[in-house]
Every structure is written in structure tokens, then in C-alpha cells.
Protein backbone atom coordinates (compact mmCIF):
# COMPACT_ATOMS: atom_id res chain seq x y z
CA MET A 1 3.91 8.96 19.44
CA ASP A 2 2.42 12.22 18.27
CA THR A 3 -0.42 12.67 15.83
CA LEU A 4 1.01 13.17 12.34
CA HIS A 5 -0.41 15.92 10.17
CA CYS A 6 -0.65 15.21 6.47
CA ILE A 7 -1.65 17.74 3.81
CA ASP A 8 -5.15 18.31 5.16
CA TYR A 9 -5.91 15.49 7.59
CA PRO A 10 -4.51 13.95 10.80
CA VAL A 11 -3.12 10.44 11.36
CA TYR A 12 -3.84 9.16 14.86
CA PHE A 13 -1.69 6.56 16.63
CA ASN A 14 -2.83 6.83 20.27
CA ASP A 15 -6.20 5.67 21.65
CA THR A 16 -7.33 5.53 18.04
CA LEU A 17 -10.78 3.99 18.41
CA THR A 18 -11.75 6.63 20.96
CA GLU A 19 -10.50 9.26 18.53
CA LEU A 20 -12.61 7.68 15.78
CA VAL A 21 -15.77 7.75 17.88
CA ASN A 22 -15.09 11.38 18.77
CA PHE A 23 -14.59 12.18 15.09
CA ILE A 24 -17.93 10.60 14.14
CA GLU A 25 -19.80 12.44 16.87
CA GLN A 26 -18.21 15.80 16.11
CA GLY A 27 -18.86 15.42 12.37
CA LYS A 28 -22.64 15.33 12.87
CA TYR A 29 -23.04 12.94 9.92
CA SER A 30 -26.54 12.00 8.78
CA ARG A 31 -25.46 8.35 8.67
CA PHE A 32 -22.21 6.44 8.46
CA PHE A 33 -21.23 3.18 6.83
CA ILE A 34 -18.47 0.68 7.59
CA LEU A 35 -16.87 -1.04 4.60
CA THR A 36 -15.26 -4.39 5.46
CA ASP A 37 -14.35 -7.74 3.97
CA GLU A 38 -15.03 -11.14 5.51
CA HIS A 39 -11.70 -11.14 7.37
CA THR A 40 -12.07 -7.74 9.00
CA SER A 41 -15.74 -8.47 9.71
CA GLU A 42 -14.61 -11.43 11.79
CA HIS A 43 -11.44 -10.14 13.42
CA CYS A 44 -11.70 -6.33 13.63
CA LEU A 45 -15.30 -5.20 13.29
CA PRO A 46 -16.46 -6.56 16.70
CA LEU A 47 -13.90 -4.39 18.52
CA LEU A 48 -15.02 -1.31 16.63
CA GLN A 49 -18.70 -2.08 17.15
CA SER A 50 -18.15 -2.43 20.88
CA ARG A 51 -17.19 1.27 20.85
CA LEU A 52 -20.23 2.23 18.76
CA GLN A 53 -23.01 0.75 20.91
CA HIS A 54 -24.46 4.18 21.70
CA LEU A 55 -24.65 4.88 17.95
CA ASP A 56 -26.59 1.72 17.10
CA GLY A 57 -29.06 2.44 14.31
CA LYS A 58 -26.93 5.25 12.91
CA TYR A 59 -24.80 3.03 10.67
CA ASP A 60 -24.84 0.05 8.33
CA ILE A 61 -22.22 -2.53 7.29
CA ILE A 62 -21.14 -3.08 3.68
CA GLU A 63 -19.08 -6.24 3.18
CA VAL A 64 -17.11 -7.26 0.06
CA ASN A 65 -14.96 -10.27 -0.72
CA ALA A 66 -11.38 -10.13 0.51
CA GLY A 67 -8.43 -9.94 -1.86
CA GLU A 68 -7.01 -8.00 -4.79
CA GLU A 69 -9.42 -9.80 -7.13
CA SER A 70 -12.25 -7.73 -5.63
CA LYS A 71 -10.63 -4.35 -6.31
CA ASN A 72 -12.48 -3.69 -9.54
CA ILE A 73 -15.34 -1.69 -11.00
CA ASP A 74 -17.89 -4.47 -10.43
CA PHE A 75 -17.35 -4.44 -6.67
CA CYS A 76 -17.35 -0.63 -6.72
CA CYS A 77 -20.78 -0.78 -8.36
CA GLY A 78 -21.88 -3.04 -5.52
CA ILE A 79 -20.69 -0.50 -2.94
CA TRP A 80 -22.45 2.36 -4.73
CA LYS A 81 -25.67 0.32 -4.95
CA MET A 82 -25.54 -0.48 -1.22
CA LEU A 83 -25.02 3.20 -0.41
CA ILE A 84 -28.08 4.05 -2.53
CA ASP A 85 -30.13 1.26 -0.93
CA PHE A 86 -29.13 2.50 2.54
CA SER A 87 -30.18 6.07 1.58
CA ALA A 88 -26.71 7.57 1.86
CA ASP A 89 -26.67 11.30 1.20
CA ARG A 90 -23.87 13.82 0.70
CA HIS A 91 -23.58 14.25 4.47
CA SER A 92 -22.77 10.56 5.02
CA LEU A 93 -19.43 9.09 6.09
CA LEU A 94 -17.73 5.91 4.84
CA ILE A 95 -15.35 4.18 7.26
CA ASN A 96 -12.90 1.92 5.40
CA LEU A 97 -12.03 -0.84 7.88
CA GLY A 98 -9.54 -3.18 6.29
CA GLY A 99 -6.34 -3.56 4.32
CA GLY A 100 -5.11 -1.83 1.21
CA VAL A 101 -7.88 -3.18 -1.03
CA ILE A 102 -10.60 -1.81 1.26
CA GLY A 103 -8.80 1.52 1.64
CA ASP A 104 -8.12 1.96 -2.09
CA MET A 105 -11.54 0.84 -3.29
CA GLY A 106 -13.52 2.40 -0.45
CA GLY A 107 -11.74 5.69 -0.96
CA PHE A 108 -12.47 5.58 -4.69
CA ALA A 109 -16.14 4.67 -4.14
CA ALA A 110 -16.56 7.49 -1.60
CA SER A 111 -14.69 10.07 -3.69
CA THR A 112 -17.02 9.50 -6.64
CA PHE A 113 -20.38 8.79 -4.95
CA LYS A 114 -22.60 11.87 -5.38
CA ARG A 115 -19.40 13.67 -6.45
CA GLY A 116 -17.75 12.82 -3.17
CA ILE A 117 -18.68 11.98 0.41
CA ASP A 118 -16.38 12.01 3.43
CA PHE A 119 -14.37 8.90 4.25
CA VAL A 120 -11.80 7.87 6.84
CA GLN A 121 -9.24 5.08 6.77
CA VAL A 122 -8.92 2.51 9.56
CA PRO A 123 -6.16 0.27 8.18
CA THR A 124 -6.01 -3.20 9.69
CA THR A 125 -2.97 -4.74 7.94
CA LEU A 126 0.66 -3.77 8.28
CA LEU A 127 0.82 -2.98 4.56
CA SER A 128 -2.12 -0.61 4.70
CA GLN A 129 -0.92 1.05 7.90
CA VAL A 130 2.57 1.90 6.67
CA ASP A 131 1.74 2.57 3.03
CA ALA A 132 -1.75 2.68 1.56
CA SER A 133 -3.42 4.66 4.37
CA VAL A 134 -1.28 7.78 3.87
CA GLY A 135 -1.02 9.85 0.72
CA GLY A 136 -4.55 10.54 -0.49
CA LYS A 137 -4.57 8.01 -3.33
CA THR A 138 -7.65 5.97 -4.15
CA GLY A 139 -7.99 3.43 -6.90
CA ILE A 140 -9.13 0.19 -8.45
CA ASP A 141 -7.59 -2.28 -10.88
CA PHE A 142 -8.82 -2.40 -14.47
CA ASP A 143 -7.94 -4.60 -17.44
CA ASN A 144 -5.38 -6.47 -15.29
CA LEU A 145 -3.55 -3.23 -14.43
CA LYS A 146 -3.11 -2.28 -10.78
CA ASN A 147 -4.60 1.01 -9.55
CA ILE A 148 -4.99 2.32 -13.10
CA ILE A 149 -8.33 4.03 -12.30
CA GLY A 150 -8.46 6.33 -9.30
CA THR A 151 -8.35 9.80 -7.78
CA PHE A 152 -6.22 11.91 -5.49
CA THR A 153 -8.71 12.42 -2.65
CA SER A 154 -7.70 12.81 0.98
CA PRO A 155 -9.53 11.04 3.77
CA LYS A 156 -10.79 13.18 6.60
CA ALA A 157 -8.55 11.26 9.01
CA VAL A 158 -6.56 8.03 9.42
CA PHE A 159 -6.71 5.89 12.57
CA ILE A 160 -3.81 3.43 13.00
CA GLU A 161 -4.64 0.83 15.64
CA HIS A 162 -1.63 -1.41 16.35
CA GLY A 163 -3.80 -3.98 18.11
CA PHE A 164 -5.47 -5.01 14.85
CA LEU A 165 -2.15 -6.38 13.61
CA THR A 166 -2.13 -9.20 16.16
CA THR A 167 -4.81 -10.96 14.06
CA LEU A 168 -2.58 -11.19 10.97
CA PRO A 169 -0.75 -14.28 9.70
CA GLU A 170 3.03 -14.00 9.29
CA ARG A 171 2.76 -13.80 5.49
CA GLN A 172 0.71 -10.61 5.73
CA ILE A 173 3.15 -9.13 8.25
CA LEU A 174 5.97 -9.81 5.78
CA SER A 175 3.99 -8.17 2.99
CA GLY A 176 3.80 -4.90 4.90
CA TYR A 177 7.39 -5.23 6.07
CA ALA A 178 8.55 -4.91 2.45
CA GLU A 179 7.19 -1.36 2.30
CA MET A 180 8.89 -0.51 5.60
CA LEU A 181 12.20 -1.78 4.21
CA LYS A 182 11.60 0.31 1.08
CA HIS A 183 11.17 3.44 3.20
CA GLY A 184 14.55 2.81 4.78
CA LEU A 185 16.24 2.11 1.45
CA ILE A 186 15.02 5.30 -0.22
CA ALA A 187 15.25 7.76 2.66
CA ASP A 188 16.78 6.59 5.96
CA ALA A 189 19.75 4.21 6.22
CA GLU A 190 19.48 4.19 10.01
CA TYR A 191 15.89 2.99 9.76
CA TRP A 192 16.92 0.29 7.24
CA ASN A 193 19.56 -0.92 9.71
CA ALA A 194 17.00 -1.03 12.53
CA LEU A 195 14.67 -3.13 10.40
CA LYS A 196 17.50 -5.33 9.16
CA ALA A 197 18.45 -6.06 12.77
CA GLN A 198 15.09 -7.80 13.24
CA GLY A 199 16.59 -10.74 11.32
CA SER A 200 14.92 -13.41 9.20
CA HIS A 201 12.64 -14.58 12.05
CA LEU A 202 10.32 -11.61 11.86
CA THR A 203 7.92 -10.76 14.64
CA LEU A 204 5.28 -8.03 14.63
CA PRO A 205 7.04 -4.67 14.25
CA SER A 206 6.62 -2.29 17.16
CA ALA A 207 4.27 0.67 17.05
CA GLU A 208 7.34 2.93 17.11
CA LEU A 209 8.80 1.36 13.94
CA ILE A 210 5.44 1.70 12.20
CA TYR A 211 5.26 5.35 13.24
CA ARG A 212 8.73 5.98 11.76
CA SER A 213 7.67 4.38 8.47
CA VAL A 214 4.50 6.46 8.22
CA ALA A 215 6.52 9.59 9.08
CA ILE A 216 8.95 8.89 6.20
CA LYS A 217 6.13 8.42 3.72
CA ASN A 218 4.29 11.48 5.03
CA LYS A 219 7.39 13.65 4.58
CA VAL A 220 7.59 12.56 0.93
CA VAL A 221 3.88 13.13 0.31
CA LEU A 222 3.96 16.60 1.87
CA ALA A 223 6.76 17.56 -0.52
CA ASP A 224 4.84 16.32 -3.59
CA PRO A 225 1.15 15.61 -2.86
CA PHE A 226 0.08 14.96 -6.47
CA GLU A 227 3.09 12.94 -7.61
CA LYS A 228 4.50 15.49 -10.05
CA GLY A 229 8.07 14.51 -9.28
CA TYR A 230 9.78 13.70 -5.96
CA ARG A 231 6.98 11.46 -4.68
CA LYS A 232 7.92 8.94 -7.37
CA CYS A 233 10.76 7.91 -5.05
CA LEU A 234 8.13 5.80 -3.30
CA ASN A 235 7.99 3.76 -6.50
CA PHE A 236 11.31 2.04 -5.76
CA GLY A 237 10.78 -1.68 -6.37
CA HIS A 238 7.34 -1.10 -7.83
CA THR A 239 7.95 -0.74 -11.57
CA ILE A 240 9.12 -4.35 -11.69
CA GLY A 241 7.23 -5.39 -8.55
CA HIS A 242 3.80 -4.40 -9.89
CA ALA A 243 4.49 -6.28 -13.12
CA VAL A 244 5.49 -9.41 -11.18
CA GLU A 245 2.45 -9.05 -8.94
CA THR A 246 0.10 -8.76 -11.92
CA TYR A 247 1.80 -11.72 -13.64
CA SER A 248 1.31 -13.82 -10.51
CA LEU A 249 -2.35 -12.77 -10.19
CA GLN A 250 -2.90 -13.92 -13.77
CA ASN A 251 -1.02 -17.21 -13.51
CA ASP A 252 -0.86 -18.53 -9.94
CA GLU A 253 -3.61 -20.04 -7.86
CA ASN A 254 -1.77 -18.97 -4.69
CA HIS A 255 -0.52 -15.65 -6.00
CA LEU A 256 2.19 -13.44 -4.56
CA THR A 257 1.30 -10.83 -1.99
CA HIS A 258 2.05 -7.21 -2.81
CA GLY A 259 5.05 -7.20 -0.49
CA GLU A 260 6.49 -10.42 -1.90
CA ALA A 261 6.32 -8.96 -5.41
CA VAL A 262 7.80 -5.64 -4.30
CA ALA A 263 10.67 -7.49 -2.61
CA ILE A 264 11.49 -9.07 -5.98
CA GLY A 265 11.19 -5.64 -7.59
CA MET A 266 13.54 -4.09 -5.03
CA ILE A 267 16.21 -6.75 -5.67
CA CYS A 268 15.94 -6.19 -9.43
CA GLU A 269 15.93 -2.41 -9.13
CA ALA A 270 18.86 -2.53 -6.69
CA TRP A 271 20.75 -4.39 -9.42
CA LEU A 272 19.76 -1.65 -11.88
CA SER A 273 20.92 0.89 -9.29
CA HIS A 274 24.35 -0.79 -9.19
CA LYS A 275 24.56 -0.68 -12.99
CA LYS A 276 23.15 2.82 -13.55
CA SER A 277 23.21 5.05 -10.45
CA GLY A 278 26.21 4.24 -8.29
CA LEU A 279 24.94 1.73 -5.72
CA SER A 280 27.99 -0.20 -4.54
CA ALA A 281 28.37 -3.94 -5.09
CA GLU A 282 28.54 -4.38 -1.31
CA GLU A 283 25.21 -2.61 -0.72
CA LEU A 284 23.59 -4.48 -3.62
CA ASP A 285 24.66 -7.74 -2.00
CA GLU A 286 23.37 -6.55 1.38
CA ILE A 287 19.94 -5.66 -0.03
CA ALA A 288 19.64 -8.90 -2.00
CA THR A 289 20.71 -11.01 0.98
CA VAL A 290 18.31 -9.36 3.44
CA LEU A 291 15.33 -9.64 1.07
CA ASN A 292 16.17 -13.19 -0.06
CA ASN A 293 16.37 -14.33 3.55
CA LEU A 294 12.96 -12.84 4.34
CA TYR A 295 10.92 -13.71 1.25
CA PRO A 296 10.36 -17.02 -0.57
CA LYS A 297 11.97 -17.49 -3.96
CA TYR A 298 9.63 -17.07 -6.94
CA HIS A 299 10.32 -18.83 -10.21
CA LEU A 300 10.79 -16.40 -13.10
CA ASP A 301 12.47 -17.90 -16.16
CA ASP A 302 13.35 -16.13 -19.41
CA SER A 303 9.99 -17.06 -20.96
CA CYS A 304 8.28 -14.59 -18.58
CA HIS A 305 10.35 -11.59 -19.59
CA THR A 306 8.35 -10.46 -22.62
CA VAL A 307 5.08 -10.55 -20.68
CA LEU A 308 6.62 -8.76 -17.70
CA HIS A 309 8.11 -6.07 -19.93
CA SER A 310 4.68 -5.47 -21.51
CA LEU A 311 3.19 -5.07 -18.04
CA MET A 312 5.95 -2.62 -17.05
CA LYS A 313 5.20 -0.49 -20.10
CA ALA A 314 1.67 0.05 -18.75
CA ASP A 315 2.95 1.51 -15.45
CA LYS A 316 1.16 4.83 -14.88
CA LYS A 317 4.40 6.59 -13.82
CA ASN A 318 6.01 6.11 -17.22
CA ASN A 319 6.53 8.95 -19.67
CA GLY A 320 5.29 7.83 -23.07
CA SER A 321 6.98 4.59 -24.10
CA ASP A 322 9.93 5.04 -21.72
CA ILE A 323 9.97 2.87 -18.61
CA ASN A 324 11.00 4.91 -15.57
CA CYS A 325 12.50 3.47 -12.40
CA THR A 326 13.44 4.99 -9.08
CA LEU A 327 17.00 3.90 -8.30
CA LEU A 328 19.32 4.05 -5.30
CA HIS A 329 22.63 5.92 -5.14
CA LYS A 330 23.27 4.29 -1.80
CA ILE A 331 21.14 2.88 0.99
CA GLY A 332 19.05 5.81 2.24
CA GLU A 333 19.42 7.94 -0.90
CA CYS A 334 17.62 7.65 -4.25
CA SER A 335 16.61 9.56 -7.36
CA ILE A 336 13.73 9.30 -9.81
CA ASP A 337 13.11 9.03 -13.56
CA HIS A 338 15.85 6.65 -14.63
CA ILE A 339 14.90 5.33 -18.06
CA CYS A 340 15.61 1.59 -18.30
CA THR A 341 15.77 -0.39 -21.53
CA GLU A 342 14.08 -3.72 -22.10
CA GLU A 343 17.47 -5.42 -22.06
CA GLU A 344 18.40 -3.84 -18.71
CA LEU A 345 15.07 -4.76 -17.14
CA CYS A 346 15.30 -8.36 -18.36
CA ASP A 347 18.91 -8.61 -17.14
CA SER A 348 17.74 -7.48 -13.70
CA LEU A 349 15.14 -10.26 -13.68
CA SER A 350 17.85 -12.74 -14.65
CA TYR A 351 19.97 -11.46 -11.76
CA TYR A 352 17.12 -12.21 -9.36
CA SER A 353 16.55 -15.68 -10.83
CA LYS A 354 20.21 -16.63 -10.40
CA LEU A 355 20.50 -15.61 -6.75
């Protein structure tokens, strides 16, 4: 697997921790900091530290609580305060070692601290490796809205270490797998078929499949780095999925993962695609069957629809009061900016509930 080149930074797949150490040494940083949560501190940080023994005393660890609930301004303030306490200057480096929450929040904290310090992404979950690590987006949640505050700021590099994924529970593998399936649905039918062939008893995807997913996303990002148009194709499943995810965060003790919510969103938006943009009944059934076999059913009755519609209206990709969805013409081909009415969106939720 070759190194991928994004807009202005590389994504490494081979011998990644050696590449990271080389990057730190060549950057001649005054100090560097490793942002983790309690899970990556236990399972991933020791491996990285074993490669940094000769740099002992040149870095400090900043640890935050794991989970989406931590991706807010209060925890960002904690990161900024730790950077100040550790005497970080504008020639410091922040290494974001963790999943999507660490990458999003760490990137946002770095991009705003002293008007911006360098950061790199070392994603440790499947979701963050195939999705959040590439694209130059940073962000935090605010007022119960996902990623509503953030910047477009590129990392200096991304280091994708497949070995970190062996520490993940199956539910987290499935969460990332949803984004891989999305990449196939919007851009590459052959890739969708390869993923579909894995069946309902999912094992850890190979490094080659992960590389293909990152390559699909990178191609989209290169065509539209600041999400002015085409990049919104990556939003397939997310207009409804983000609303369902936020609803679950607000109401469930054991809330949905991002991928579980996006899987629901993809089923609903595939139904909308059948109604509005030409997706065949056969392919709608194929998509719904594959996703239903992989992901647990989530109860959404009609009483949820008003709340979910309100959450969809707050999606940052909307244009005014219109709710925009990315829809499929067929598996592997999509288009953006389909305006969907409240009735259509609620009917899609009803379709999911009746499966």
C-alpha cells in the first residue's frame, strides 16, 4: 500500500510508528504532546511510548474521558489549560492518539490554540481510520448538535496503524464498517460487493480494504476540500443518521454508536433514493437487508418523528430551512442536494421501523 497524498499532507499506512518518530524528529518541535482517552492510554499509548524512549522528557500526556459526551467546549478548555500549564508554544506539536472524538476535538484544540499549532492524527478505531482522520475537518459538539463548532484545518500527517484495531470490541469494528459500506454505496459498487461478501459475521477488515476506503474518501476530498458541493456526497446516511445519533445520546443510557446510527440513516435515505432519485426496488432491498443483518434494530416509533425532524433541520449542510440529503441513483453512484420534505423524511423512518 502506497502513501496517500491529501491536499497538503500525507497518509501513511506502512511502518507507521517509525514514520511518526521520523516526523517528530525532522520537525524539530520545541515540545510535543499526546492527547489520549482512558482506552487509548491503556491499549495504544504503551506501544507508541516504546518507540519514543529516546525522546523521554520531550513530551507530556493529556488524557480526557472517552466518548462523544466529552467532545465539547468544556473538555477543549481543559486541553487548552493543560497546554498552557505544560508551557506549549507555537512550535509545539499535538499528537491525537485515539478515535474520532480525539481526532475531532484534538484537531480543533490545536487549530485554535495560539492561533494554531501543528497536529497529527494517529487514529486507533476503524471509524476514525476510514473516515474522521482524512479530510481536514475538526470540531466539537455544542447545544446537543454534532460537530456544529469547528474549523477546516489539515493535520501535518496521518498515521494509520492497522495493529491498533486488534484491541477493539466487535461493536466498534461495526461502527467503522458502516462508513466503509457508505463509501462503496456512493462511489464504488465493486467495493460495496467486496464488503458485502464479508457476511453478517464480521471480522476485522484487512488493511487493503481500509486503504481502499481511505482512497475513496481522499478522492472526494481532493475534488472539494472545503465542502462547497461534491464533498457533500459523503453525507449519505448522515442527515437522518446524525439526528438519530443525537436523539439516542439524549435518551438512551447505552446510546447508539455513530456507525449504528448512520446504518439507520442509510436505510432511510436509500428508501428516499428509491422514491426520489431512481434507486431500484431490488437495490433498496439489497441495501436494507445487508445493513439490517449487520446492525441491531433500534426502536423508533412515530412519537420520535417530530423531534428527529427538528434535529435534521439543524444539520449544517442544509440551505436555509430546506433539509438536503445525498441520495443514490444506483449502488456506486449518487448526487447531492435533494430537498426532502418532513413527510418524506418521516415516511423513510416508518419504512425503517417496519422492516
